Amino acid sequence: MASSDSDYYRGPDDDVLDRAEAGSIGGSSYVYFPPEYFSVLADNHNLITSTDPENRKALDAMARRLAR
C-alpha cells in the first residue's frame, strides 16, 4: 500500500521477505530463506501480472518514478 505522501509500497507478506538473511558459518557463506519465501514471491508475480485496479495504480506510480 502507498501512503498519501509516499511512493513506498509494502504488502502484508513483506515481513516474510524481510526474514531472508545472509551470513557466514565457519568461513562458508549461506543464505537463509524462510519456507514461505518463494510462495510470497510467486504471489507477488501473479499480482504484478493481474489487472487489479489498485495494483495497476501502484505499478503506474512505480513506472513514473523509474521514468524520472
N, C-alpha and C. Protein backbone atom coordinates (compact mmCIF):
# COMPACT_ATOMS: atom_id res chain seq x y z
N MET A 1 0.84 -1.18 0.00
CA MET A 1 0.00 0.00 0.00
C MET A 1 0.88 1.24 0.00
N ALA A 2 0.38 2.27 -0.58
CA ALA A 2 1.11 3.53 -0.60
C ALA A 2 0.42 4.50 0.34
N SER A 3 1.23 5.26 1.03
CA SER A 3 0.64 6.32 1.84
C SER A 3 0.42 7.52 0.93
N SER A 4 -0.35 8.46 1.36
CA SER A 4 -0.65 9.61 0.51
C SER A 4 0.56 10.50 0.26
N ASP A 5 1.57 10.43 1.13
CA ASP A 5 2.73 11.29 0.96
C ASP A 5 3.98 10.52 0.58
N SER A 6 3.82 9.29 0.07
CA SER A 6 4.98 8.47 -0.23
C SER A 6 4.71 7.55 -1.40
N ASP A 7 5.78 7.16 -2.09
CA ASP A 7 5.66 6.17 -3.14
C ASP A 7 6.15 4.81 -2.66
N TYR A 8 6.23 4.63 -1.34
CA TYR A 8 6.71 3.37 -0.78
C TYR A 8 5.54 2.41 -0.62
N TYR A 9 5.70 1.22 -1.16
CA TYR A 9 4.65 0.21 -1.10
C TYR A 9 5.12 -0.96 -0.26
N ARG A 10 4.27 -1.40 0.62
CA ARG A 10 4.59 -2.54 1.47
C ARG A 10 3.34 -3.40 1.58
N GLY A 11 3.51 -4.68 1.28
CA GLY A 11 2.38 -5.60 1.31
C GLY A 11 2.32 -6.36 2.61
N PRO A 12 1.24 -7.09 2.82
CA PRO A 12 1.04 -7.81 4.07
C PRO A 12 2.04 -8.96 4.28
N ASP A 13 2.67 -9.43 3.20
CA ASP A 13 3.62 -10.54 3.33
C ASP A 13 5.08 -10.09 3.29
N ASP A 14 5.32 -8.80 3.25
CA ASP A 14 6.70 -8.33 3.16
C ASP A 14 7.54 -8.71 4.37
N ASP A 15 6.90 -8.94 5.52
CA ASP A 15 7.66 -9.37 6.69
C ASP A 15 8.32 -10.72 6.44
N VAL A 16 7.71 -11.57 5.62
CA VAL A 16 8.31 -12.86 5.26
C VAL A 16 9.58 -12.62 4.46
N LEU A 17 9.51 -11.71 3.49
CA LEU A 17 10.69 -11.41 2.68
C LEU A 17 11.80 -10.79 3.52
N ASP A 18 11.41 -10.02 4.53
CA ASP A 18 12.40 -9.39 5.42
C ASP A 18 13.19 -10.41 6.23
N ARG A 19 12.65 -11.63 6.38
CA ARG A 19 13.32 -12.61 7.22
C ARG A 19 14.44 -13.36 6.50
N ALA A 20 14.60 -13.13 5.19
CA ALA A 20 15.73 -13.73 4.49
C ALA A 20 17.01 -13.14 5.07
N GLU A 21 18.02 -13.96 5.19
CA GLU A 21 19.27 -13.45 5.77
C GLU A 21 20.47 -14.13 5.14
N ALA A 22 21.56 -13.42 5.09
CA ALA A 22 22.82 -13.96 4.60
C ALA A 22 23.81 -13.92 5.75
N GLY A 23 24.73 -14.84 5.73
CA GLY A 23 25.72 -14.87 6.79
C GLY A 23 26.86 -15.79 6.44
N SER A 24 27.63 -16.10 7.43
CA SER A 24 28.79 -16.96 7.25
C SER A 24 28.94 -17.84 8.48
N ILE A 25 29.21 -19.10 8.24
CA ILE A 25 29.47 -20.04 9.32
C ILE A 25 30.76 -20.78 8.97
N GLY A 26 31.74 -20.69 9.82
CA GLY A 26 32.99 -21.40 9.59
C GLY A 26 33.66 -21.04 8.27
N GLY A 27 33.51 -19.81 7.83
CA GLY A 27 34.13 -19.37 6.59
C GLY A 27 33.30 -19.66 5.35
N SER A 28 32.20 -20.35 5.50
CA SER A 28 31.31 -20.63 4.36
C SER A 28 30.09 -19.71 4.42
N SER A 29 29.75 -19.14 3.28
CA SER A 29 28.60 -18.25 3.20
C SER A 29 27.31 -19.04 3.09
N TYR A 30 26.24 -18.46 3.58
CA TYR A 30 24.92 -19.07 3.43
C TYR A 30 23.88 -17.99 3.23
N VAL A 31 22.78 -18.37 2.65
CA VAL A 31 21.60 -17.51 2.56
C VAL A 31 20.44 -18.34 3.06
N TYR A 32 19.71 -17.81 4.02
CA TYR A 32 18.54 -18.49 4.57
C TYR A 32 17.29 -17.83 4.03
N PHE A 33 16.38 -18.62 3.50
CA PHE A 33 15.07 -18.15 3.09
C PHE A 33 14.04 -18.90 3.91
N PRO A 34 13.11 -18.20 4.57
CA PRO A 34 12.06 -18.90 5.30
C PRO A 34 11.24 -19.74 4.33
N PRO A 35 10.63 -20.82 4.81
CA PRO A 35 9.90 -21.72 3.92
C PRO A 35 8.87 -21.04 3.03
N GLU A 36 8.19 -20.03 3.52
CA GLU A 36 7.14 -19.39 2.74
C GLU A 36 7.65 -18.30 1.78
N TYR A 37 8.95 -18.07 1.76
CA TYR A 37 9.58 -17.01 0.95
C TYR A 37 9.19 -17.12 -0.53
N PHE A 38 9.37 -18.30 -1.11
CA PHE A 38 9.13 -18.45 -2.55
C PHE A 38 7.65 -18.40 -2.89
N SER A 39 6.81 -18.79 -1.96
CA SER A 39 5.37 -18.67 -2.16
C SER A 39 4.97 -17.20 -2.25
N VAL A 40 5.55 -16.38 -1.39
CA VAL A 40 5.28 -14.93 -1.42
C VAL A 40 5.76 -14.34 -2.75
N LEU A 41 6.95 -14.73 -3.20
CA LEU A 41 7.45 -14.23 -4.49
C LEU A 41 6.53 -14.63 -5.63
N ALA A 42 6.04 -15.85 -5.62
CA ALA A 42 5.12 -16.30 -6.67
C ALA A 42 3.81 -15.51 -6.61
N ASP A 43 3.30 -15.29 -5.40
CA ASP A 43 2.08 -14.49 -5.26
C ASP A 43 2.29 -13.07 -5.76
N ASN A 44 3.46 -12.48 -5.45
CA ASN A 44 3.77 -11.12 -5.92
C ASN A 44 3.83 -11.08 -7.44
N HIS A 45 4.42 -12.10 -8.04
CA HIS A 45 4.49 -12.16 -9.50
C HIS A 45 3.08 -12.22 -10.09
N ASN A 46 2.22 -13.04 -9.51
CA ASN A 46 0.86 -13.15 -10.00
C ASN A 46 0.10 -11.84 -9.85
N LEU A 47 0.35 -11.11 -8.77
CA LEU A 47 -0.30 -9.81 -8.58
C LEU A 47 0.18 -8.81 -9.62
N ILE A 48 1.47 -8.79 -9.90
CA ILE A 48 2.02 -7.85 -10.89
C ILE A 48 1.40 -8.09 -12.26
N THR A 49 1.14 -9.34 -12.59
CA THR A 49 0.59 -9.65 -13.91
C THR A 49 -0.94 -9.57 -13.95
N SER A 50 -1.55 -9.22 -12.83
CA SER A 50 -3.02 -9.14 -12.79
C SER A 50 -3.50 -7.80 -13.33
N THR A 51 -4.81 -7.67 -13.45
CA THR A 51 -5.42 -6.41 -13.89
C THR A 51 -6.16 -5.73 -12.75
N ASP A 52 -5.82 -6.05 -11.52
CA ASP A 52 -6.44 -5.45 -10.35
C ASP A 52 -6.24 -3.93 -10.39
N PRO A 53 -7.31 -3.13 -10.26
CA PRO A 53 -7.19 -1.67 -10.35
C PRO A 53 -6.23 -1.06 -9.33
N GLU A 54 -6.27 -1.51 -8.08
CA GLU A 54 -5.35 -0.97 -7.07
C GLU A 54 -3.91 -1.30 -7.42
N ASN A 55 -3.70 -2.50 -7.90
CA ASN A 55 -2.36 -2.90 -8.31
C ASN A 55 -1.89 -2.07 -9.50
N ARG A 56 -2.77 -1.81 -10.43
CA ARG A 56 -2.43 -1.02 -11.61
C ARG A 56 -1.96 0.37 -11.20
N LYS A 57 -2.64 0.98 -10.20
CA LYS A 57 -2.22 2.30 -9.72
C LYS A 57 -0.81 2.25 -9.15
N ALA A 58 -0.53 1.21 -8.38
CA ALA A 58 0.80 1.07 -7.79
C ALA A 58 1.86 0.89 -8.88
N LEU A 59 1.58 0.04 -9.86
CA LEU A 59 2.54 -0.18 -10.94
C LEU A 59 2.75 1.09 -11.77
N ASP A 60 1.69 1.84 -12.02
CA ASP A 60 1.83 3.10 -12.76
C ASP A 60 2.69 4.10 -12.00
N ALA A 61 2.49 4.18 -10.68
CA ALA A 61 3.31 5.09 -9.86
C ALA A 61 4.78 4.68 -9.92
N MET A 62 5.04 3.38 -9.85
CA MET A 62 6.44 2.91 -9.94
C MET A 62 7.03 3.21 -11.31
N ALA A 63 6.24 3.03 -12.35
CA ALA A 63 6.73 3.31 -13.71
C ALA A 63 7.07 4.79 -13.87
N ARG A 64 6.23 5.67 -13.31
CA ARG A 64 6.54 7.11 -13.37
C ARG A 64 7.83 7.42 -12.63
N ARG A 65 8.02 6.79 -11.48
CA ARG A 65 9.23 7.04 -10.71
C ARG A 65 10.48 6.55 -11.47
N LEU A 66 10.39 5.41 -12.09
CA LEU A 66 11.52 4.88 -12.85
C LEU A 66 11.82 5.70 -14.10
N ALA A 67 10.81 6.35 -14.65
CA ALA A 67 10.99 7.14 -15.86
C ALA A 67 11.71 8.46 -15.59
N ARG A 68 11.83 8.85 -14.34
CA ARG A 68 12.47 10.13 -13.99
C ARG A 68 13.92 10.14 -14.37
